Amino acid sequence: MPEKAPGAHDHHRQTAPRVVNCFVLTVSDSRSAATDRSGRLIGDLLKGAGHRVTGAEIVPDEPDRLRETIQARLDDRETDAIIITGGTGISKRDQTVEAV
């Protein structure tokens, strides 16, 4: 089998940061710090993979509040990535996708 020529993904792997500073954002009207299993799991998996969790927050599924929270994280030089969980139900109240 012939060797594959190096591609863009090879360059990316070689130059990508080994540690990414991540903020975990849970969008939910019903979760609390005690019941946010998905947010905790995401944080644990990120840490286990060697990344840094710069913070975590639970916000209600309110577009203005969600945009405000995301913008604050985008403005934070300590955060490289925002991981969002929740807010994807089928009710009219679930507007996370539209807000993001």
PDB file of N, CA and C in Angstrom:
ATOM      1  N   MET A   1       0.843  -1.172   0.000  1.00  0.00           N
ATOM      2  CA  MET A   1       0.000   0.000   0.000  1.00  0.00           C
ATOM      3  C   MET A   1       0.896   1.246   0.000  1.00  0.00           C
ATOM      4  N   PRO A   2       0.677   2.163  -0.920  1.00  0.00           N
ATOM      5  CA  PRO A   2       1.515   3.358  -0.998  1.00  0.00           C
ATOM      6  C   PRO A   2       1.265   4.294   0.180  1.00  0.00           C
ATOM      7  N   GLU A   3       2.303   5.032   0.572  1.00  0.00           N
ATOM      8  CA  GLU A   3       2.165   6.007   1.654  1.00  0.00           C
ATOM      9  C   GLU A   3       1.344   7.189   1.189  1.00  0.00           C
ATOM     10  N   LYS A   4       0.554   7.709   2.086  1.00  0.00           N
ATOM     11  CA  LYS A   4      -0.253   8.887   1.773  1.00  0.00           C
ATOM     12  C   LYS A   4       0.614  10.137   1.888  1.00  0.00           C
ATOM     13  N   ALA A   5       0.380  11.050   0.975  1.00  0.00           N
ATOM     14  CA  ALA A   5       1.071  12.336   1.048  1.00  0.00           C
ATOM     15  C   ALA A   5       0.518  13.113   2.232  1.00  0.00           C
ATOM     16  N   PRO A   6       1.378  13.889   2.908  1.00  0.00           N
ATOM     17  CA  PRO A   6       0.869  14.678   4.031  1.00  0.00           C
ATOM     18  C   PRO A   6      -0.198  15.653   3.558  1.00  0.00           C
ATOM     19  N   GLY A   7      -1.247  15.774   4.327  1.00  0.00           N
ATOM     20  CA  GLY A   7      -2.340  16.686   3.980  1.00  0.00           C
ATOM     21  C   GLY A   7      -2.448  17.809   4.983  1.00  0.00           C
ATOM     22  N   ALA A   8      -3.450  18.629   4.782  1.00  0.00           N
ATOM     23  CA  ALA A   8      -3.668  19.773   5.664  1.00  0.00           C
ATOM     24  C   ALA A   8      -3.910  19.318   7.101  1.00  0.00           C
ATOM     25  N   HIS A   9      -4.571  18.163   7.267  1.00  0.00           N
ATOM     26  CA  HIS A   9      -4.838  17.693   8.629  1.00  0.00           C
ATOM     27  C   HIS A   9      -3.542  17.349   9.363  1.00  0.00           C
ATOM     28  N   ASP A  10      -2.530  16.885   8.634  1.00  0.00           N
ATOM     29  CA  ASP A  10      -1.241  16.599   9.263  1.00  0.00           C
ATOM     30  C   ASP A  10      -0.602  17.891   9.769  1.00  0.00           C
ATOM     31  N   HIS A  11      -0.655  18.917   8.949  1.00  0.00           N
ATOM     32  CA  HIS A  11      -0.107  20.215   9.354  1.00  0.00           C
ATOM     33  C   HIS A  11      -0.866  20.743  10.572  1.00  0.00           C
ATOM     34  N   HIS A  12      -2.173  20.608  10.539  1.00  0.00           N
ATOM     35  CA  HIS A  12      -3.000  21.067  11.663  1.00  0.00           C
ATOM     36  C   HIS A  12      -2.599  20.344  12.944  1.00  0.00           C
ATOM     37  N   ARG A  13      -2.463  19.040  12.893  1.00  0.00           N
ATOM     38  CA  ARG A  13      -2.098  18.268  14.084  1.00  0.00           C
ATOM     39  C   ARG A  13      -0.741  18.689  14.626  1.00  0.00           C
ATOM     40  N   GLN A  14       0.162  19.032  13.752  1.00  0.00           N
ATOM     41  CA  GLN A  14       1.505  19.419  14.186  1.00  0.00           C
ATOM     42  C   GLN A  14       1.539  20.821  14.784  1.00  0.00           C
ATOM     43  N   THR A  15       0.660  21.696  14.332  1.00  0.00           N
ATOM     44  CA  THR A  15       0.718  23.088  14.779  1.00  0.00           C
ATOM     45  C   THR A  15      -0.384  23.473  15.764  1.00  0.00           C
ATOM     46  N   ALA A  16      -1.362  22.618  15.967  1.00  0.00           N
ATOM     47  CA  ALA A  16      -2.476  22.928  16.874  1.00  0.00           C
ATOM     48  C   ALA A  16      -1.980  22.948  18.320  1.00  0.00           C
ATOM     49  N   PRO A  17      -2.585  23.791  19.135  1.00  0.00           N
ATOM     50  CA  PRO A  17      -2.187  23.814  20.550  1.00  0.00           C
ATOM     51  C   PRO A  17      -2.533  22.492  21.223  1.00  0.00           C
ATOM     52  N   ARG A  18      -1.722  22.088  22.150  1.00  0.00           N
ATOM     53  CA  ARG A  18      -1.966  20.833  22.878  1.00  0.00           C
ATOM     54  C   ARG A  18      -3.005  21.029  23.978  1.00  0.00           C
ATOM     55  N   VAL A  19      -3.104  22.264  24.478  1.00  0.00           N
ATOM     56  CA  VAL A  19      -4.069  22.574  25.528  1.00  0.00           C
ATOM     57  C   VAL A  19      -4.956  23.712  25.038  1.00  0.00           C
ATOM     58  N   VAL A  20      -6.261  23.517  25.126  1.00  0.00           N
ATOM     59  CA  VAL A  20      -7.229  24.537  24.741  1.00  0.00           C
ATOM     60  C   VAL A  20      -7.979  24.961  26.008  1.00  0.00           C
ATOM     61  N   ASN A  21      -8.112  26.263  26.195  1.00  0.00           N
ATOM     62  CA  ASN A  21      -8.844  26.806  27.339  1.00  0.00           C
ATOM     63  C   ASN A  21     -10.327  26.864  26.976  1.00  0.00           C
ATOM     64  N   CYS A  22     -11.134  26.062  27.658  1.00  0.00           N
ATOM     65  CA  CYS A  22     -12.545  25.894  27.300  1.00  0.00           C
ATOM     66  C   CYS A  22     -13.479  26.381  28.395  1.00  0.00           C
ATOM     67  N   PHE A  23     -14.582  26.979  27.976  1.00  0.00           N
ATOM     68  CA  PHE A  23     -15.656  27.374  28.874  1.00  0.00           C
ATOM     69  C   PHE A  23     -16.853  26.489  28.569  1.00  0.00           C
ATOM     70  N   VAL A  24     -17.451  25.891  29.586  1.00  0.00           N
ATOM     71  CA  VAL A  24     -18.592  24.993  29.403  1.00  0.00           C
ATOM     72  C   VAL A  24     -19.875  25.755  29.744  1.00  0.00           C
ATOM     73  N   LEU A  25     -20.749  25.873  28.767  1.00  0.00           N
ATOM     74  CA  LEU A  25     -21.998  26.613  28.922  1.00  0.00           C
ATOM     75  C   LEU A  25     -23.180  25.666  28.762  1.00  0.00           C
ATOM     76  N   THR A  26     -23.951  25.516  29.819  1.00  0.00           N
ATOM     77  CA  THR A  26     -25.157  24.693  29.777  1.00  0.00           C
ATOM     78  C   THR A  26     -26.355  25.612  29.620  1.00  0.00           C
ATOM     79  N   VAL A  27     -27.182  25.344  28.626  1.00  0.00           N
ATOM     80  CA  VAL A  27     -28.395  26.127  28.396  1.00  0.00           C
ATOM     81  C   VAL A  27     -29.568  25.281  28.855  1.00  0.00           C
ATOM     82  N   SER A  28     -30.230  25.746  29.919  1.00  0.00           N
ATOM     83  CA  SER A  28     -31.338  24.958  30.458  1.00  0.00           C
ATOM     84  C   SER A  28     -32.186  25.808  31.394  1.00  0.00           C
ATOM     85  N   ASP A  29     -33.476  25.576  31.330  1.00  0.00           N
ATOM     86  CA  ASP A  29     -34.403  26.205  32.263  1.00  0.00           C
ATOM     87  C   ASP A  29     -34.615  25.326  33.496  1.00  0.00           C
ATOM     88  N   SER A  30     -34.119  24.093  33.447  1.00  0.00           N
ATOM     89  CA  SER A  30     -34.412  23.160  34.530  1.00  0.00           C
ATOM     90  C   SER A  30     -33.176  22.611  35.245  1.00  0.00           C
ATOM     91  N   ARG A  31     -31.988  22.855  34.748  1.00  0.00           N
ATOM     92  CA  ARG A  31     -30.777  22.321  35.386  1.00  0.00           C
ATOM     93  C   ARG A  31     -30.244  23.283  36.440  1.00  0.00           C
ATOM     94  N   SER A  32     -29.571  22.694  37.424  1.00  0.00           N
ATOM     95  CA  SER A  32     -28.865  23.461  38.455  1.00  0.00           C
ATOM     96  C   SER A  32     -27.457  22.884  38.530  1.00  0.00           C
ATOM     97  N   ALA A  33     -26.604  23.491  39.330  1.00  0.00           N
ATOM     98  CA  ALA A  33     -25.247  22.961  39.474  1.00  0.00           C
ATOM     99  C   ALA A  33     -25.285  21.502  39.945  1.00  0.00           C
ATOM    100  N   ALA A  34     -26.253  21.176  40.774  1.00  0.00           N
ATOM    101  CA  ALA A  34     -26.357  19.811  41.299  1.00  0.00           C
ATOM    102  C   ALA A  34     -26.858  18.808  40.265  1.00  0.00           C
ATOM    103  N   THR A  35     -27.640  19.259  39.278  1.00  0.00           N
ATOM    104  CA  THR A  35     -28.243  18.320  38.330  1.00  0.00           C
ATOM    105  C   THR A  35     -27.661  18.410  36.921  1.00  0.00           C
ATOM    106  N   ASP A  36     -26.669  19.245  36.724  1.00  0.00           N
ATOM    107  CA  ASP A  36     -26.083  19.430  35.383  1.00  0.00           C
ATOM    108  C   ASP A  36     -25.037  18.349  35.094  1.00  0.00           C
ATOM    109  N   ARG A  37     -25.506  17.144  34.850  1.00  0.00           N
ATOM    110  CA  ARG A  37     -24.592  16.028  34.583  1.00  0.00           C
ATOM    111  C   ARG A  37     -23.819  16.213  33.283  1.00  0.00           C
ATOM    112  N   SER A  38     -24.475  16.731  32.238  1.00  0.00           N
ATOM    113  CA  SER A  38     -23.784  16.877  30.951  1.00  0.00           C
ATOM    114  C   SER A  38     -22.666  17.919  31.044  1.00  0.00           C
ATOM    115  N   GLY A  39     -22.926  19.026  31.715  1.00  0.00           N
ATOM    116  CA  GLY A  39     -21.891  20.042  31.877  1.00  0.00           C
ATOM    117  C   GLY A  39     -20.696  19.508  32.653  1.00  0.00           C
ATOM    118  N   ARG A  40     -20.976  18.770  33.736  1.00  0.00           N
ATOM    119  CA  ARG A  40     -19.894  18.166  34.531  1.00  0.00           C
ATOM    120  C   ARG A  40     -19.101  17.156  33.716  1.00  0.00           C
ATOM    121  N   LEU A  41     -19.816  16.316  32.962  1.00  0.00           N
ATOM    122  CA  LEU A  41     -19.150  15.297  32.145  1.00  0.00           C
ATOM    123  C   LEU A  41     -18.248  15.953  31.098  1.00  0.00           C
ATOM    124  N   ILE A  42     -18.761  16.969  30.440  1.00  0.00           N
ATOM    125  CA  ILE A  42     -17.952  17.671  29.427  1.00  0.00           C
ATOM    126  C   ILE A  42     -16.693  18.241  30.070  1.00  0.00           C
ATOM    127  N   GLY A  43     -16.846  18.886  31.214  1.00  0.00           N
ATOM    128  CA  GLY A  43     -15.681  19.429  31.917  1.00  0.00           C
ATOM    129  C   GLY A  43     -14.679  18.348  32.279  1.00  0.00           C
ATOM    130  N   ASP A  44     -15.168  17.234  32.795  1.00  0.00           N
ATOM    131  CA  ASP A  44     -14.286  16.121  33.168  1.00  0.00           C
ATOM    132  C   ASP A  44     -13.564  15.552  31.952  1.00  0.00           C
ATOM    133  N   LEU A  45     -14.278  15.393  30.837  1.00  0.00           N
ATOM    134  CA  LEU A  45     -13.659  14.851  29.622  1.00  0.00           C
ATOM    135  C   LEU A  45     -12.606  15.809  29.068  1.00  0.00           C
ATOM    136  N   LEU A  46     -12.903  17.097  29.096  1.00  0.00           N
ATOM    137  CA  LEU A  46     -11.924  18.082  28.628  1.00  0.00           C
ATOM    138  C   LEU A  46     -10.659  18.030  29.482  1.00  0.00           C
ATOM    139  N   LYS A  47     -10.832  18.019  30.792  1.00  0.00           N
ATOM    140  CA  LYS A  47      -9.674  17.949  31.697  1.00  0.00           C
ATOM    141  C   LYS A  47      -8.901  16.648  31.483  1.00  0.00           C
ATOM    142  N   GLY A  48      -9.640  15.550  31.316  1.00  0.00           N
ATOM    143  CA  GLY A  48      -9.001  14.257  31.090  1.00  0.00           C
ATOM    144  C   GLY A  48      -8.189  14.217  29.810  1.00  0.00           C
ATOM    145  N   ALA A  49      -8.586  15.035  28.832  1.00  0.00           N
ATOM    146  CA  ALA A  49      -7.855  15.101  27.561  1.00  0.00           C
ATOM    147  C   ALA A  49      -6.717  16.121  27.625  1.00  0.00           C
ATOM    148  N   GLY A  50      -6.525  16.732  28.796  1.00  0.00           N
ATOM    149  CA  GLY A  50      -5.414  17.653  28.964  1.00  0.00           C
ATOM    150  C   GLY A  50      -5.749  19.113  28.719  1.00  0.00           C
ATOM    151  N   HIS A  51      -7.020  19.422  28.544  1.00  0.00           N
ATOM    152  CA  HIS A  51      -7.413  20.808  28.309  1.00  0.00           C
ATOM    153  C   HIS A  51      -7.736  21.498  29.637  1.00  0.00           C
ATOM    154  N   ARG A  52      -7.874  22.793  29.588  1.00  0.00           N
ATOM    155  CA  ARG A  52      -8.163  23.588  30.780  1.00  0.00           C
ATOM    156  C   ARG A  52      -9.593  24.113  30.681  1.00  0.00           C
ATOM    157  N   VAL A  53     -10.347  23.968  31.771  1.00  0.00           N
ATOM    158  CA  VAL A  53     -11.697  24.509  31.837  1.00  0.00           C
ATOM    159  C   VAL A  53     -11.613  25.841  32.578  1.00  0.00           C
ATOM    160  N   THR A  54     -11.907  26.919  31.859  1.00  0.00           N
ATOM    161  CA  THR A  54     -11.785  28.263  32.433  1.00  0.00           C
ATOM    162  C   THR A  54     -13.012  28.649  33.253  1.00  0.00           C
ATOM    163  N   GLY A  55     -14.083  27.895  33.114  1.00  0.00           N
ATOM    164  CA  GLY A  55     -15.286  28.159  33.873  1.00  0.00           C
ATOM    165  C   GLY A  55     -16.457  27.398  33.305  1.00  0.00           C
ATOM    166  N   ALA A  56     -17.553  27.468  34.028  1.00  0.00           N
ATOM    167  CA  ALA A  56     -18.790  26.815  33.601  1.00  0.00           C
ATOM    168  C   ALA A  56     -19.951  27.646  34.109  1.00  0.00           C
ATOM    169  N   GLU A  57     -21.026  27.640  33.352  1.00  0.00           N
ATOM    170  CA  GLU A  57     -22.194  28.411  33.747  1.00  0.00           C
ATOM    171  C   GLU A  57     -23.443  27.749  33.188  1.00  0.00           C
ATOM    172  N   ILE A  58     -24.542  27.915  33.902  1.00  0.00           N
ATOM    173  CA  ILE A  58     -25.843  27.462  33.437  1.00  0.00           C
ATOM    174  C   ILE A  58     -26.674  28.717  33.199  1.00  0.00           C
ATOM    175  N   VAL A  59     -27.209  28.851  31.997  1.00  0.00           N
ATOM    176  CA  VAL A  59     -28.059  29.993  31.682  1.00  0.00           C
ATOM    177  C   VAL A  59     -29.403  29.486  31.159  1.00  0.00           C
ATOM    178  N   PRO A  60     -30.476  30.226  31.439  1.00  0.00           N
ATOM    179  CA  PRO A  60     -31.784  29.828  30.911  1.00  0.00           C
ATOM    180  C   PRO A  60     -31.823  30.021  29.404  1.00  0.00           C
ATOM    181  N   ASP A  61     -32.750  29.346  28.779  1.00  0.00           N
ATOM    182  CA  ASP A  61     -32.890  29.422  27.316  1.00  0.00           C
ATOM    183  C   ASP A  61     -33.591  30.728  26.938  1.00  0.00           C
ATOM    184  N   GLU A  62     -32.882  31.820  27.152  1.00  0.00           N
ATOM    185  CA  GLU A  62     -33.360  33.153  26.799  1.00  0.00           C
ATOM    186  C   GLU A  62     -32.332  33.755  25.849  1.00  0.00           C
ATOM    187  N   PRO A  63     -32.693  34.014  24.605  1.00  0.00           N
ATOM    188  CA  PRO A  63     -31.726  34.445  23.593  1.00  0.00           C
ATOM    189  C   PRO A  63     -30.829  35.614  24.011  1.00  0.00           C
ATOM    190  N   ASP A  64     -31.390  36.659  24.611  1.00  0.00           N
ATOM    191  CA  ASP A  64     -30.567  37.808  24.997  1.00  0.00           C
ATOM    192  C   ASP A  64     -29.536  37.432  26.050  1.00  0.00           C
ATOM    193  N   ARG A  65     -29.957  36.673  27.033  1.00  0.00           N
ATOM    194  CA  ARG A  65     -29.044  36.235  28.098  1.00  0.00           C
ATOM    195  C   ARG A  65     -27.965  35.318  27.532  1.00  0.00           C
ATOM    196  N   LEU A  66     -28.344  34.440  26.627  1.00  0.00           N
ATOM    197  CA  LEU A  66     -27.399  33.524  26.005  1.00  0.00           C
ATOM    198  C   LEU A  66     -26.361  34.292  25.187  1.00  0.00           C
ATOM    199  N   ARG A  67     -26.825  35.231  24.359  1.00  0.00           N
ATOM    200  CA  ARG A  67     -25.900  36.041  23.557  1.00  0.00           C
ATOM    201  C   ARG A  67     -24.943  36.832  24.450  1.00  0.00           C
ATOM    202  N   GLU A  68     -25.470  37.394  25.522  1.00  0.00           N
ATOM    203  CA  GLU A  68     -24.657  38.169  26.463  1.00  0.00           C
ATOM    204  C   GLU A  68     -23.565  37.298  27.085  1.00  0.00           C
ATOM    205  N   THR A  69     -23.934  36.106  27.491  1.00  0.00           N
ATOM    206  CA  THR A  69     -22.978  35.185  28.106  1.00  0.00           C
ATOM    207  C   THR A  69     -21.919  34.753  27.097  1.00  0.00           C
ATOM    208  N   ILE A  70     -22.332  34.425  25.887  1.00  0.00           N
ATOM    209  CA  ILE A  70     -21.375  34.019  24.851  1.00  0.00           C
ATOM    210  C   ILE A  70     -20.435  35.172  24.524  1.00  0.00           C
ATOM    211  N   GLN A  71     -20.965  36.379  24.374  1.00  0.00           N
ATOM    212  CA  GLN A  71     -20.117  37.527  24.059  1.00  0.00           C
ATOM    213  C   GLN A  71     -19.089  37.772  25.157  1.00  0.00           C
ATOM    214  N   ALA A  72     -19.493  37.635  26.406  1.00  0.00           N
ATOM    215  CA  ALA A  72     -18.558  37.814  27.516  1.00  0.00           C
ATOM    216  C   ALA A  72     -17.418  36.806  27.436  1.00  0.00           C
ATOM    217  N   ARG A  73     -17.729  35.584  27.050  1.00  0.00           N
ATOM    218  CA  ARG A  73     -16.683  34.556  26.926  1.00  0.00           C
ATOM    219  C   ARG A  73     -15.802  34.837  25.710  1.00  0.00           C
ATOM    220  N   LEU A  74     -16.387  35.325  24.627  1.00  0.00           N
ATOM    221  CA  LEU A  74     -15.596  35.670  23.441  1.00  0.00           C
ATOM    222  C   LEU A  74     -14.623  36.805  23.747  1.00  0.00           C
ATOM    223  N   ASP A  75     -15.035  37.714  24.624  1.00  0.00           N
ATOM    224  CA  ASP A  75     -14.194  38.845  25.008  1.00  0.00           C
ATOM    225  C   ASP A  75     -13.122  38.455  26.028  1.00  0.00           C
ATOM    226  N   ASP A  76     -13.266  37.287  26.631  1.00  0.00           N
ATOM    227  CA  ASP A  76     -12.342  36.817  27.662  1.00  0.00           C
ATOM    228  C   ASP A  76     -11.118  36.167  27.017  1.00  0.00           C
ATOM    229  N   ARG A  77      -9.973  36.784  27.152  1.00  0.00           N
ATOM    230  CA  ARG A  77      -8.748  36.257  26.531  1.00  0.00           C
ATOM    231  C   ARG A  77      -8.311  34.916  27.114  1.00  0.00           C
ATOM    232  N   GLU A  78      -8.869  34.526  28.250  1.00  0.00           N
ATOM    233  CA  GLU A  78      -8.534  33.239  28.872  1.00  0.00           C
ATOM    234  C   GLU A  78      -9.257  32.073  28.206  1.00  0.00           C
ATOM    235  N   THR A  79     -10.274  32.361  27.403  1.00  0.00           N
ATOM    236  CA  THR A  79     -11.090  31.305  26.809  1.00  0.00           C
ATOM    237  C   THR A  79     -10.836  31.201  25.305  1.00  0.00           C
ATOM    238  N   ASP A  80     -10.475  29.989  24.866  1.00  0.00           N
ATOM    239  CA  ASP A  80     -10.250  29.729  23.445  1.00  0.00           C
ATOM    240  C   ASP A  80     -11.481  29.131  22.766  1.00  0.00           C
ATOM    241  N   ALA A  81     -12.285  28.399  23.542  1.00  0.00           N
ATOM    242  CA  ALA A  81     -13.435  27.700  22.966  1.00  0.00           C
ATOM    243  C   ALA A  81     -14.584  27.698  23.965  1.00  0.00           C
ATOM    244  N   ILE A  82     -15.796  27.776  23.435  1.00  0.00           N
ATOM    245  CA  ILE A  82     -17.002  27.681  24.252  1.00  0.00           C
ATOM    246  C   ILE A  82     -17.712  26.391  23.844  1.00  0.00           C
ATOM    247  N   ILE A  83     -17.907  25.512  24.811  1.00  0.00           N
ATOM    248  CA  ILE A  83     -18.616  24.262  24.561  1.00  0.00           C
ATOM    249  C   ILE A  83     -20.025  24.445  25.123  1.00  0.00           C
ATOM    250  N   ILE A  84     -21.040  24.315  24.255  1.00  0.00           N
ATOM    251  CA  ILE A  84     -22.426  24.537  24.669  1.00  0.00           C
ATOM    252  C   ILE A  84     -23.167  23.207  24.688  1.00  0.00           C
ATOM    253  N   THR A  85     -23.880  22.971  25.780  1.00  0.00           N
ATOM    254  CA  THR A  85     -24.714  21.785  25.904  1.00  0.00           C
ATOM    255  C   THR A  85     -26.113  22.216  26.318  1.00  0.00           C
ATOM    256  N   GLY A  86     -27.119  21.489  25.831  1.00  0.00           N
ATOM    257  CA  GLY A  86     -28.497  21.782  26.200  1.00  0.00           C
ATOM    258  C   GLY A  86     -29.165  22.766  25.260  1.00  0.00           C
ATOM    259  N   GLY A  87     -30.398  23.131  25.613  1.00  0.00           N
ATOM    260  CA  GLY A  87     -31.138  24.135  24.868  1.00  0.00           C
ATOM    261  C   GLY A  87     -31.590  23.726  23.484  1.00  0.00           C
ATOM    262  N   THR A  88     -31.676  22.430  23.234  1.00  0.00           N
ATOM    263  CA  THR A  88     -32.019  21.996  21.877  1.00  0.00           C
ATOM    264  C   THR A  88     -33.324  21.211  21.825  1.00  0.00           C
ATOM    265  N   GLY A  89     -34.233  21.521  22.731  1.00  0.00           N
ATOM    266  CA  GLY A  89     -35.527  20.839  22.727  1.00  0.00           C
ATOM    267  C   GLY A  89     -36.380  21.285  21.555  1.00  0.00           C
ATOM    268  N   ILE A  90     -37.612  20.840  21.555  1.00  0.00           N
ATOM    269  CA  ILE A  90     -38.489  21.153  20.424  1.00  0.00           C
ATOM    270  C   ILE A  90     -39.581  22.163  20.769  1.00  0.00           C
ATOM    271  N   SER A  91     -39.566  22.697  21.976  1.00  0.00           N
ATOM    272  CA  SER A  91     -40.590  23.683  22.316  1.00  0.00           C
ATOM    273  C   SER A  91     -40.213  25.053  21.753  1.00  0.00           C
ATOM    274  N   LYS A  92     -41.182  25.960  21.706  1.00  0.00           N
ATOM    275  CA  LYS A  92     -40.915  27.311  21.203  1.00  0.00           C
ATOM    276  C   LYS A  92     -39.898  28.030  22.074  1.00  0.00           C
ATOM    277  N   ARG A  93     -39.795  27.636  23.315  1.00  0.00           N
ATOM    278  CA  ARG A  93     -38.863  28.271  24.255  1.00  0.00           C
ATOM    279  C   ARG A  93     -37.413  27.934  23.910  1.00  0.00           C
ATOM    280  N   ASP A  94     -37.151  26.814  23.294  1.00  0.00           N
ATOM    281  CA  ASP A  94     -35.794  26.381  22.977  1.00  0.00           C
ATOM    282  C   ASP A  94     -35.287  27.147  21.749  1.00  0.00           C
ATOM    283  N   GLN A  95     -34.484  28.187  21.996  1.00  0.00           N
ATOM    284  CA  GLN A  95     -34.018  29.061  20.917  1.00  0.00           C
ATOM    285  C   GLN A  95     -32.493  29.161  20.881  1.00  0.00           C
ATOM    286  N   THR A  96     -31.814  28.187  21.447  1.00  0.00           N
ATOM    287  CA  THR A  96     -30.364  28.249  21.532  1.00  0.00           C
ATOM    288  C   THR A  96     -29.712  28.345  20.159  1.00  0.00           C
ATOM    289  N   VAL A  97     -30.121  27.513  19.247  1.00  0.00           N
ATOM    290  CA  VAL A  97     -29.499  27.495  17.912  1.00  0.00           C
ATOM    291  C   VAL A  97     -29.655  28.857  17.241  1.00  0.00           C
ATOM    292  N   GLU A  98     -30.831  29.422  17.311  1.00  0.00           N
ATOM    293  CA  GLU A  98     -31.070  30.732  16.692  1.00  0.00           C
ATOM    294  C   GLU A  98     -30.243  31.820  17.372  1.00  0.00           C
ATOM    295  N   ALA A  99     -30.117  31.772  18.684  1.00  0.00           N
ATOM    296  CA  ALA A  99     -29.355  32.791  19.423  1.00  0.00           C
ATOM    297  C   ALA A  99     -27.873  32.718  19.119  1.00  0.00           C
ATOM    298  N   VAL A 100     -27.362  31.507  19.014  1.00  0.00           N
ATOM    299  CA  VAL A 100     -25.927  31.352  18.737  1.00  0.00           C
ATOM    300  C   VAL A 100     -25.639  31.795  17.323  1.00  0.00           C
TER     301      VAL A 100
END
